[in-house]
Amino acid sequence: MKRQKIRTTIQLVSMLIFPITLNYFSPYLIVQGSLEGVLAGSGVLFAGLFLFSLFLGRQFCSWLCPAGALQDVCAGIVDKPAGTGQDRLKFFLWIPWLAAILLGFVSAGGLKRIDFFYYTEHGISVSAPGGYAIYFAVVALILAFALTLGRRSFCHGACWMSPFMILGNFVKEKLRFPAFRLHCEPDRCVSCGSCDKHCPMSLPVSRLVKSGCFFHRECILCGICADCCPKNAIWLRMKPQSCEPRYLTASRRRGRSAD
């Protein structure tokens, strides 16, 4: 569990410095900046998350995201699985929001400059007492999702950053180049359910293991399932993905031999 101790420590730091980094995650400031022809720091970060996900998947969500850290704390209070229907909600929010950004740049006559520290004070997001009103409003929104709708519900239903990484994951899986992924050995699985119980994203991990092809767009590659598996049936590794499981291939070979 050494990996999880390191991950939790990094998450704790990200949550503690959230008042400093808040504006770099802002969905509002990127729209406001686009109306001035300015690409704000959040826009740079979101583009970076897409590129990040091409090689590291959604590990940002499990290692560095302050909202994810806050939700994991909430899971100790309300530990119930998130509903599967929440996953689509963020796309209904994300698509018009993305369109508003593009229209903003069009109305401003295009991109004029990049300002990573847009609307920050020497790089600090909350530098005055009034800024904490926005900070606590964002925290309250995250808490409302996590404490009422289940584990990491904000990630599932309202996060405006995750679609960038989901898109990157889609590209990664289509191209099948080496990247961090969860891999599994179905024959080792004893259906103990430990992976399903501990998954912070409430995914059907054991079913994915049994399928022999471990991929889910909501997987954040935290590695908890790999670390809690008593039979080491799951592991995290950087390598190409093959969506034709080895055990199925072996079965087909046996079938051909029998024919």
Protein backbone atom coordinates (compact mmCIF):
# COMPACT_ATOMS: atom_id res chain seq x y z
CA MET A 1 0.00 0.00 0.00
CA LYS A 2 3.03 2.30 -0.22
CA ARG A 3 1.72 3.71 -3.50
CA GLN A 4 -1.58 4.67 -1.86
CA LYS A 5 0.19 6.42 1.02
CA ILE A 6 2.19 8.49 -1.45
CA ARG A 7 -0.92 9.23 -3.53
CA THR A 8 -2.94 10.27 -0.47
CA THR A 9 -0.14 12.56 0.71
CA ILE A 10 0.06 14.29 -2.66
CA GLN A 11 -3.73 14.66 -2.72
CA LEU A 12 -3.65 16.22 0.74
CA VAL A 13 -1.12 18.81 -0.42
CA SER A 14 -3.24 19.60 -3.51
CA MET A 15 -6.28 20.14 -1.32
CA LEU A 16 -4.40 22.39 1.11
CA ILE A 17 -3.12 24.66 -1.67
CA PHE A 18 -6.50 24.83 -3.43
CA PRO A 19 -6.98 28.52 -2.47
CA ILE A 20 -3.77 29.21 -4.42
CA THR A 21 -4.61 27.09 -7.47
CA LEU A 22 -8.38 27.72 -7.65
CA ASN A 23 -8.32 30.03 -10.69
CA TYR A 24 -6.24 27.58 -12.70
CA PHE A 25 -9.21 25.19 -12.59
CA SER A 26 -11.85 27.85 -13.25
CA PRO A 27 -14.43 27.15 -15.98
CA TYR A 28 -15.63 30.74 -15.73
CA LEU A 29 -12.33 32.57 -16.20
CA ILE A 30 -11.59 30.74 -19.44
CA VAL A 31 -14.90 32.03 -20.85
CA GLN A 32 -14.26 35.54 -19.57
CA GLY A 33 -10.75 35.49 -20.99
CA SER A 34 -11.97 34.26 -24.38
CA LEU A 35 -14.20 37.35 -24.69
CA GLU A 36 -11.02 39.42 -24.42
CA GLY A 37 -9.04 37.16 -26.74
CA VAL A 38 -7.01 35.89 -23.77
CA LEU A 39 -6.29 32.24 -23.06
CA ALA A 40 -6.37 32.07 -19.26
CA GLY A 41 -4.33 29.73 -17.10
CA SER A 42 -7.25 27.31 -16.84
CA GLY A 43 -7.33 27.00 -20.63
CA VAL A 44 -3.63 26.14 -20.67
CA LEU A 45 -4.21 23.58 -17.91
CA PHE A 46 -7.16 21.95 -19.69
CA ALA A 47 -5.13 21.59 -22.89
CA GLY A 48 -2.32 20.15 -20.80
CA LEU A 49 -4.69 17.62 -19.24
CA PHE A 50 -5.67 16.36 -22.68
CA LEU A 51 -2.00 15.84 -23.58
CA PHE A 52 -1.32 14.36 -20.12
CA SER A 53 -4.09 11.79 -20.60
CA LEU A 54 -2.59 10.50 -23.84
CA PHE A 55 0.17 8.87 -21.82
CA LEU A 56 -1.00 8.82 -18.20
CA GLY A 57 -4.77 8.46 -18.57
CA ARG A 58 -6.81 10.12 -15.83
CA GLN A 59 -4.14 9.84 -13.16
CA PHE A 60 -4.43 13.59 -12.60
CA CYS A 61 -7.86 12.91 -11.09
CA SER A 62 -6.50 10.43 -8.56
CA TRP A 63 -3.15 12.02 -7.74
CA LEU A 64 -3.32 15.79 -8.18
CA CYS A 65 -6.90 17.04 -8.31
CA PRO A 66 -7.97 18.92 -5.16
CA ALA A 67 -11.63 18.18 -5.89
CA GLY A 68 -10.82 14.48 -6.03
CA ALA A 69 -8.99 14.71 -2.71
CA LEU A 70 -11.96 16.44 -1.09
CA GLN A 71 -14.35 13.79 -2.39
CA ASP A 72 -12.17 10.97 -1.10
CA VAL A 73 -12.41 12.55 2.35
CA CYS A 74 -16.20 12.63 1.95
CA ALA A 75 -16.21 8.91 1.14
CA GLY A 76 -15.23 8.33 4.75
CA ILE A 77 -18.51 9.97 5.75
CA VAL A 78 -20.90 8.78 3.02
CA ASP A 79 -19.48 5.66 1.42
CA LYS A 80 -22.06 4.70 -1.17
CA PRO A 81 -21.52 3.96 -4.87
CA ALA A 82 -22.24 6.72 -7.35
CA GLY A 83 -25.11 6.11 -9.75
CA THR A 84 -24.15 5.11 -13.29
CA GLY A 85 -26.55 7.61 -14.85
CA GLN A 86 -24.45 10.54 -13.63
CA ASP A 87 -21.67 9.98 -16.18
CA ARG A 88 -23.54 11.60 -19.07
CA LEU A 89 -24.50 14.76 -17.20
CA LYS A 90 -21.07 16.39 -17.43
CA PHE A 91 -21.13 16.18 -21.23
CA PHE A 92 -24.44 18.07 -21.37
CA LEU A 93 -22.66 20.80 -19.39
CA TRP A 94 -19.28 20.53 -21.15
CA ILE A 95 -20.38 20.84 -24.78
CA PRO A 96 -22.25 24.20 -24.49
CA TRP A 97 -19.48 25.49 -22.20
CA LEU A 98 -16.85 24.59 -24.81
CA ALA A 99 -18.98 26.23 -27.49
CA ALA A 100 -19.17 29.41 -25.38
CA ILE A 101 -15.36 29.51 -25.18
CA LEU A 102 -14.97 29.14 -28.93
CA LEU A 103 -17.63 31.79 -29.63
CA GLY A 104 -15.86 34.09 -27.17
CA PHE A 105 -12.63 33.89 -29.12
CA VAL A 106 -14.49 34.43 -32.38
CA SER A 107 -16.19 37.56 -31.03
CA ALA A 108 -12.83 38.85 -29.75
CA GLY A 109 -11.23 38.41 -33.17
CA GLY A 110 -9.21 35.32 -32.22
CA LEU A 111 -6.51 34.53 -29.71
CA LYS A 112 -4.48 37.62 -28.87
CA ARG A 113 -2.35 36.45 -25.97
CA ILE A 114 -1.85 33.73 -23.38
CA ASP A 115 -1.95 34.83 -19.75
CA PHE A 116 -1.34 31.91 -17.42
CA PHE A 117 -1.75 34.14 -14.35
CA TYR A 118 -5.01 35.71 -15.57
CA TYR A 119 -7.00 37.11 -12.61
CA THR A 120 -4.49 36.03 -9.99
CA GLU A 121 -2.40 38.14 -7.63
CA HIS A 122 1.23 37.17 -8.25
CA GLY A 123 0.00 33.70 -9.18
CA ILE A 124 -2.23 33.30 -6.11
CA SER A 125 -5.93 32.81 -6.77
CA VAL A 126 -7.42 33.78 -3.41
CA SER A 127 -5.41 36.77 -2.22
CA ALA A 128 -8.17 38.79 -0.54
CA PRO A 129 -10.96 37.94 1.92
CA GLY A 130 -13.61 38.37 -0.77
CA GLY A 131 -12.03 35.63 -2.84
CA TYR A 132 -12.92 33.07 -0.22
CA ALA A 133 -16.60 33.46 -1.09
CA ILE A 134 -15.91 31.86 -4.47
CA TYR A 135 -13.59 29.31 -2.91
CA PHE A 136 -16.17 28.16 -0.35
CA ALA A 137 -18.91 28.12 -3.01
CA VAL A 138 -16.83 25.73 -5.13
CA VAL A 139 -16.04 23.57 -2.09
CA ALA A 140 -19.73 23.51 -1.14
CA LEU A 141 -20.68 22.37 -4.65
CA ILE A 142 -18.18 19.50 -4.53
CA LEU A 143 -19.34 18.50 -1.04
CA ALA A 144 -23.00 18.58 -2.10
CA PHE A 145 -22.36 16.07 -4.87
CA ALA A 146 -20.12 13.77 -2.83
CA LEU A 147 -22.27 13.71 0.31
CA THR A 148 -25.60 13.19 -1.42
CA LEU A 149 -24.94 11.25 -4.64
CA GLY A 150 -22.08 8.96 -3.65
CA ARG A 151 -18.35 8.46 -4.09
CA ARG A 152 -16.73 10.98 -6.45
CA SER A 153 -20.12 12.01 -7.81
CA PHE A 154 -18.75 15.40 -8.76
CA CYS A 155 -16.21 13.64 -11.02
CA HIS A 156 -18.99 11.60 -12.59
CA GLY A 157 -21.61 14.29 -13.07
CA ALA A 158 -20.24 17.83 -13.02
CA CYS A 159 -16.48 17.96 -13.57
CA TRP A 160 -15.61 20.18 -16.56
CA MET A 161 -12.02 18.87 -16.70
CA SER A 162 -12.64 15.12 -16.98
CA PRO A 163 -14.07 15.24 -20.56
CA PHE A 164 -10.71 16.52 -21.80
CA MET A 165 -9.04 13.47 -20.28
CA ILE A 166 -11.79 11.12 -21.42
CA LEU A 167 -11.22 12.39 -24.95
CA GLY A 168 -7.48 11.84 -24.54
CA ASN A 169 -8.15 8.33 -23.26
CA PHE A 170 -10.29 7.62 -26.31
CA VAL A 171 -7.49 8.72 -28.64
CA LYS A 172 -4.98 6.69 -26.61
CA GLU A 173 -7.04 3.51 -26.87
CA LYS A 174 -7.68 3.97 -30.58
CA LEU A 175 -3.99 4.41 -31.35
CA ARG A 176 -2.89 1.76 -28.83
CA PHE A 177 0.52 3.27 -28.18
CA PRO A 178 2.41 2.66 -24.90
CA ALA A 179 0.74 4.48 -22.01
CA PHE A 180 -0.16 3.81 -18.39
CA ARG A 181 -3.05 1.38 -18.20
CA LEU A 182 -4.50 -1.20 -15.88
CA HIS A 183 -3.91 -4.74 -17.07
CA CYS A 184 -5.39 -7.90 -15.67
CA GLU A 185 -5.14 -11.68 -15.58
CA PRO A 186 -8.71 -13.05 -15.47
CA ASP A 187 -7.62 -16.56 -14.46
CA ARG A 188 -6.23 -15.22 -11.18
CA CYS A 189 -9.49 -13.54 -10.16
CA VAL A 190 -11.35 -15.35 -7.36
CA SER A 191 -14.36 -12.97 -7.40
CA CYS A 192 -13.73 -11.76 -3.85
CA GLY A 193 -15.20 -8.34 -4.68
CA SER A 194 -12.45 -6.39 -2.93
CA CYS A 195 -11.72 -4.33 -6.05
CA ASP A 196 -15.39 -3.40 -6.51
CA LYS A 197 -15.70 -2.40 -2.85
CA HIS A 198 -12.63 -0.16 -2.81
CA CYS A 199 -12.91 1.50 -6.23
CA PRO A 200 -13.39 5.26 -5.56
CA MET A 201 -15.21 5.64 -8.88
CA SER A 202 -17.71 2.84 -8.12
CA LEU A 203 -16.75 0.91 -11.26
CA PRO A 204 -17.53 -2.78 -11.92
CA VAL A 205 -13.85 -3.69 -11.61
CA SER A 206 -14.31 -7.44 -11.21
CA ARG A 207 -16.43 -7.53 -14.37
CA LEU A 208 -13.71 -5.65 -16.26
CA VAL A 209 -11.14 -8.13 -14.99
CA LYS A 210 -13.28 -11.06 -16.06
CA SER A 211 -13.61 -9.53 -19.53
CA GLY A 212 -9.83 -9.63 -19.89
CA CYS A 213 -9.71 -6.10 -21.30
CA PHE A 214 -9.48 -3.53 -18.54
CA PHE A 215 -10.78 -0.24 -19.88
CA HIS A 216 -13.42 2.16 -18.59
CA ARG A 217 -13.64 5.84 -19.45
CA GLU A 218 -14.30 6.74 -15.80
CA CYS A 219 -11.27 4.86 -14.48
CA ILE A 220 -8.81 7.30 -12.84
CA LEU A 221 -5.91 4.82 -12.60
CA CYS A 222 -5.52 5.27 -8.85
CA GLY A 223 -4.26 1.69 -8.59
CA ILE A 224 -6.35 0.90 -5.51
CA CYS A 225 -7.84 -2.18 -7.18
CA ALA A 226 -4.35 -3.48 -7.98
CA ASP A 227 -3.11 -2.82 -4.44
CA CYS A 228 -6.07 -4.47 -2.71
CA CYS A 229 -6.30 -7.55 -4.96
CA PRO A 230 -5.22 -10.59 -2.90
CA LYS A 231 -4.28 -12.57 -6.01
CA ASN A 232 -2.41 -9.81 -7.92
CA ALA A 233 -4.83 -10.15 -10.80
CA ILE A 234 -4.55 -6.44 -11.66
CA TRP A 235 -1.50 -4.28 -12.23
CA LEU A 236 -0.66 -0.81 -13.48
CA ARG A 237 1.90 -0.65 -16.26
CA MET A 238 2.97 1.48 -19.20
CA LYS A 239 2.50 -0.67 -22.29
CA PRO A 240 0.26 -0.89 -25.37
CA GLN A 241 -3.28 -2.11 -24.87
CA SER A 242 -4.61 -5.12 -26.67
CA CYS A 243 -8.36 -5.40 -26.44
CA GLU A 244 -8.29 -9.07 -27.38
CA PRO A 245 -7.55 -10.80 -24.06
CA ARG A 246 -4.90 -13.47 -24.03
CA TYR A 247 -7.11 -16.05 -22.37
CA LEU A 248 -9.72 -15.67 -25.13
CA THR A 249 -7.03 -16.01 -27.77
CA ALA A 250 -5.82 -19.18 -26.10
CA SER A 251 -9.39 -20.53 -26.06
CA ARG A 252 -9.76 -19.85 -29.77
CA ARG A 253 -6.49 -21.61 -30.45
CA ARG A 254 -7.72 -24.64 -28.53
CA GLY A 255 -10.95 -24.47 -30.51
CA ARG A 256 -9.05 -24.41 -33.80
CA SER A 257 -6.94 -27.37 -32.67
CA ALA A 258 -10.08 -29.32 -31.81
CA ASP A 259 -11.50 -28.61 -35.25
